[in-house]
Amino acid sequence: METHDLSAERIVEAVDGVYLAELSAGENMSVQHFHIQPGASVPEHSHPHEQVGFVYDGALAFEVGGEEHVVTTGESYVIPADEPHAARAVGDTPVDGIDVFSPPRENPDWRE
């Protein structure tokens, strides 16, 4: 059994104001923590991974299929594999949450 914590060396800034940390990864899924500063955005992207997430603090607005979906503290979401989506923090506080990806996903760098 492996354990991991949310230590500073695991955190990467994938794009301005969006911080990601892979917590654990197995053969079939990975778990990632996200911290998004107020007003920061995740650019539109897609990936071959099913994504299930939970916001434990703040509010995150997703753009999926031309529709906006706001997910707030205590809510979860599912994004199908290969579905283009974007997200942005809404409100005056950072957004913190957890994403689970299947199959496993490494931290992206959207600046590349």
C-alpha atoms as a PDB file:
ATOM      1  CA  MET A   1       0.000   0.000   0.000  1.00  0.00           C
ATOM      2  CA  GLU A   2       1.232   3.488  -0.871  1.00  0.00           C
ATOM      3  CA  THR A   3       0.276   6.739   0.841  1.00  0.00           C
ATOM      4  CA  HIS A   4       0.880  10.322  -0.314  1.00  0.00           C
ATOM      5  CA  ASP A   5       0.269  13.732   1.189  1.00  0.00           C
ATOM      6  CA  LEU A   6      -0.392  17.162  -0.263  1.00  0.00           C
ATOM      7  CA  SER A   7       3.172  18.415   0.140  1.00  0.00           C
ATOM      8  CA  ALA A   8       4.505  21.462  -1.684  1.00  0.00           C
ATOM      9  CA  GLU A   9       6.827  19.475  -3.945  1.00  0.00           C
ATOM     10  CA  ARG A  10       3.843  17.596  -5.410  1.00  0.00           C
ATOM     11  CA  ILE A  11       2.026  20.808  -6.435  1.00  0.00           C
ATOM     12  CA  VAL A  12       2.439  22.197  -9.960  1.00  0.00           C
ATOM     13  CA  GLU A  13       0.990  25.376 -11.461  1.00  0.00           C
ATOM     14  CA  ALA A  14      -0.600  24.001 -14.637  1.00  0.00           C
ATOM     15  CA  VAL A  15      -1.720  27.456 -15.786  1.00  0.00           C
ATOM     16  CA  ASP A  16      -1.774  30.842 -14.014  1.00  0.00           C
ATOM     17  CA  GLY A  17      -3.661  30.463 -10.737  1.00  0.00           C
ATOM     18  CA  VAL A  18      -4.473  26.752 -11.211  1.00  0.00           C
ATOM     19  CA  TYR A  19      -2.509  24.393  -8.956  1.00  0.00           C
ATOM     20  CA  LEU A  20      -2.659  20.610  -9.272  1.00  0.00           C
ATOM     21  CA  ALA A  21      -1.169  17.783  -7.249  1.00  0.00           C
ATOM     22  CA  GLU A  22      -1.370  14.110  -8.099  1.00  0.00           C
ATOM     23  CA  LEU A  23      -2.155  12.419  -4.799  1.00  0.00           C
ATOM     24  CA  SER A  24      -2.177   8.744  -5.751  1.00  0.00           C
ATOM     25  CA  ALA A  25      -2.360   6.643  -8.886  1.00  0.00           C
ATOM     26  CA  GLY A  26      -3.094   2.991  -9.432  1.00  0.00           C
ATOM     27  CA  GLU A  27      -3.407   0.845 -12.528  1.00  0.00           C
ATOM     28  CA  ASN A  28      -6.963   1.995 -13.297  1.00  0.00           C
ATOM     29  CA  MET A  29      -7.402   5.454 -11.761  1.00  0.00           C
ATOM     30  CA  SER A  30      -5.640   8.467 -10.312  1.00  0.00           C
ATOM     31  CA  VAL A  31      -6.619  11.061  -7.708  1.00  0.00           C
ATOM     32  CA  GLN A  32      -5.673  14.711  -8.103  1.00  0.00           C
ATOM     33  CA  HIS A  33      -6.151  17.711  -5.807  1.00  0.00           C
ATOM     34  CA  PHE A  34      -6.897  21.096  -7.386  1.00  0.00           C
ATOM     35  CA  HIS A  35      -6.640  24.624  -5.989  1.00  0.00           C
ATOM     36  CA  ILE A  36      -7.872  27.428  -8.239  1.00  0.00           C
ATOM     37  CA  GLN A  37      -7.397  31.088  -7.355  1.00  0.00           C
ATOM     38  CA  PRO A  38     -10.372  33.482  -7.694  1.00  0.00           C
ATOM     39  CA  GLY A  39     -10.882  34.410 -11.345  1.00  0.00           C
ATOM     40  CA  ALA A  40      -8.418  31.809 -12.651  1.00  0.00           C
ATOM     41  CA  SER A  41      -9.480  29.546 -15.518  1.00  0.00           C
ATOM     42  CA  VAL A  42      -8.748  26.093 -16.860  1.00  0.00           C
ATOM     43  CA  PRO A  43      -8.683  26.371 -20.671  1.00  0.00           C
ATOM     44  CA  GLU A  44     -10.956  24.209 -22.795  1.00  0.00           C
ATOM     45  CA  HIS A  45      -9.477  20.759 -23.236  1.00  0.00           C
ATOM     46  CA  SER A  46     -10.471  17.124 -23.511  1.00  0.00           C
ATOM     47  CA  HIS A  47      -8.816  13.884 -22.507  1.00  0.00           C
ATOM     48  CA  PRO A  48      -9.475  10.150 -22.870  1.00  0.00           C
ATOM     49  CA  HIS A  49     -10.154   9.866 -19.137  1.00  0.00           C
ATOM     50  CA  GLU A  50     -13.512   9.787 -17.390  1.00  0.00           C
ATOM     51  CA  GLN A  51     -13.375  12.512 -14.717  1.00  0.00           C
ATOM     52  CA  VAL A  52     -15.324  12.479 -11.457  1.00  0.00           C
ATOM     53  CA  GLY A  53     -14.815  15.365  -9.051  1.00  0.00           C
ATOM     54  CA  PHE A  54     -15.856  16.896  -5.752  1.00  0.00           C
ATOM     55  CA  VAL A  55     -15.632  20.565  -4.719  1.00  0.00           C
ATOM     56  CA  TYR A  56     -15.002  20.852  -0.993  1.00  0.00           C
ATOM     57  CA  ASP A  57     -14.587  24.635  -0.905  1.00  0.00           C
ATOM     58  CA  GLY A  58     -15.638  27.409  -3.283  1.00  0.00           C
ATOM     59  CA  ALA A  59     -17.506  27.462  -6.585  1.00  0.00           C
ATOM     60  CA  LEU A  60     -16.374  26.240  -9.996  1.00  0.00           C
ATOM     61  CA  ALA A  61     -18.184  27.071 -13.257  1.00  0.00           C
ATOM     62  CA  PHE A  62     -17.762  24.454 -15.992  1.00  0.00           C
ATOM     63  CA  GLU A  63     -18.428  25.074 -19.681  1.00  0.00           C
ATOM     64  CA  VAL A  64     -19.474  21.745 -21.205  1.00  0.00           C
ATOM     65  CA  GLY A  65     -21.332  21.322 -24.477  1.00  0.00           C
ATOM     66  CA  GLY A  66     -22.025  25.048 -24.725  1.00  0.00           C
ATOM     67  CA  GLU A  67     -23.716  25.110 -21.302  1.00  0.00           C
ATOM     68  CA  GLU A  68     -22.464  26.495 -18.002  1.00  0.00           C
ATOM     69  CA  HIS A  69     -22.741  24.322 -14.896  1.00  0.00           C
ATOM     70  CA  VAL A  70     -21.785  25.804 -11.513  1.00  0.00           C
ATOM     71  CA  VAL A  71     -20.578  23.301  -8.912  1.00  0.00           C
ATOM     72  CA  THR A  72     -20.337  24.582  -5.326  1.00  0.00           C
ATOM     73  CA  THR A  73     -19.074  23.371  -1.955  1.00  0.00           C
ATOM     74  CA  GLY A  74     -20.260  19.839  -1.247  1.00  0.00           C
ATOM     75  CA  GLU A  75     -21.234  19.027  -4.837  1.00  0.00           C
ATOM     76  CA  SER A  76     -19.758  16.493  -7.244  1.00  0.00           C
ATOM     77  CA  TYR A  77     -19.673  16.130 -11.026  1.00  0.00           C
ATOM     78  CA  VAL A  78     -18.933  13.666 -13.825  1.00  0.00           C
ATOM     79  CA  ILE A  79     -17.325  14.574 -17.150  1.00  0.00           C
ATOM     80  CA  PRO A  80     -17.321  11.779 -19.757  1.00  0.00           C
ATOM     81  CA  ALA A  81     -14.105  10.817 -21.533  1.00  0.00           C
ATOM     82  CA  ASP A  82     -13.288  12.934 -24.615  1.00  0.00           C
ATOM     83  CA  GLU A  83     -15.847  15.651 -23.663  1.00  0.00           C
ATOM     84  CA  PRO A  84     -14.406  19.152 -24.289  1.00  0.00           C
ATOM     85  CA  HIS A  85     -14.698  21.254 -21.132  1.00  0.00           C
ATOM     86  CA  ALA A  86     -13.325  24.365 -19.431  1.00  0.00           C
ATOM     87  CA  ALA A  87     -13.649  25.696 -15.886  1.00  0.00           C
ATOM     88  CA  ARG A  88     -13.198  28.911 -13.944  1.00  0.00           C
ATOM     89  CA  ALA A  89     -13.320  29.858 -10.295  1.00  0.00           C
ATOM     90  CA  VAL A  90     -16.310  32.042  -9.472  1.00  0.00           C
ATOM     91  CA  GLY A  91     -16.612  34.269  -6.433  1.00  0.00           C
ATOM     92  CA  ASP A  92     -14.009  35.873  -4.211  1.00  0.00           C
ATOM     93  CA  THR A  93     -12.532  32.728  -2.654  1.00  0.00           C
ATOM     94  CA  PRO A  94     -10.293  29.988  -4.036  1.00  0.00           C
ATOM     95  CA  VAL A  95     -11.770  26.665  -5.126  1.00  0.00           C
ATOM     96  CA  ASP A  96     -10.440  23.411  -3.689  1.00  0.00           C
ATOM     97  CA  GLY A  97     -11.448  19.918  -4.677  1.00  0.00           C
ATOM     98  CA  ILE A  98     -10.522  16.444  -5.784  1.00  0.00           C
ATOM     99  CA  ASP A  99     -10.661  14.835  -9.242  1.00  0.00           C
ATOM    100  CA  VAL A 100     -10.527  11.117  -9.978  1.00  0.00           C
ATOM    101  CA  PHE A 101      -9.489  10.041 -13.485  1.00  0.00           C
ATOM    102  CA  SER A 102      -9.882   6.650 -15.125  1.00  0.00           C
ATOM    103  CA  PRO A 103      -7.605   5.567 -16.675  1.00  0.00           C
ATOM    104  CA  PRO A 104      -4.909   7.371 -14.628  1.00  0.00           C
ATOM    105  CA  ARG A 105      -3.824  10.836 -15.726  1.00  0.00           C
ATOM    106  CA  GLU A 106      -0.637  12.793 -15.094  1.00  0.00           C
ATOM    107  CA  ASN A 107      -0.775  16.485 -14.173  1.00  0.00           C
ATOM    108  CA  PRO A 108      -1.221  18.515 -17.376  1.00  0.00           C
ATOM    109  CA  ASP A 109       0.694  21.664 -18.258  1.00  0.00           C
ATOM    110  CA  TRP A 110      -1.678  23.761 -20.363  1.00  0.00           C
ATOM    111  CA  ARG A 111       1.092  26.297 -21.128  1.00  0.00           C
ATOM    112  CA  GLU A 112       2.834  23.912 -23.533  1.00  0.00           C
END
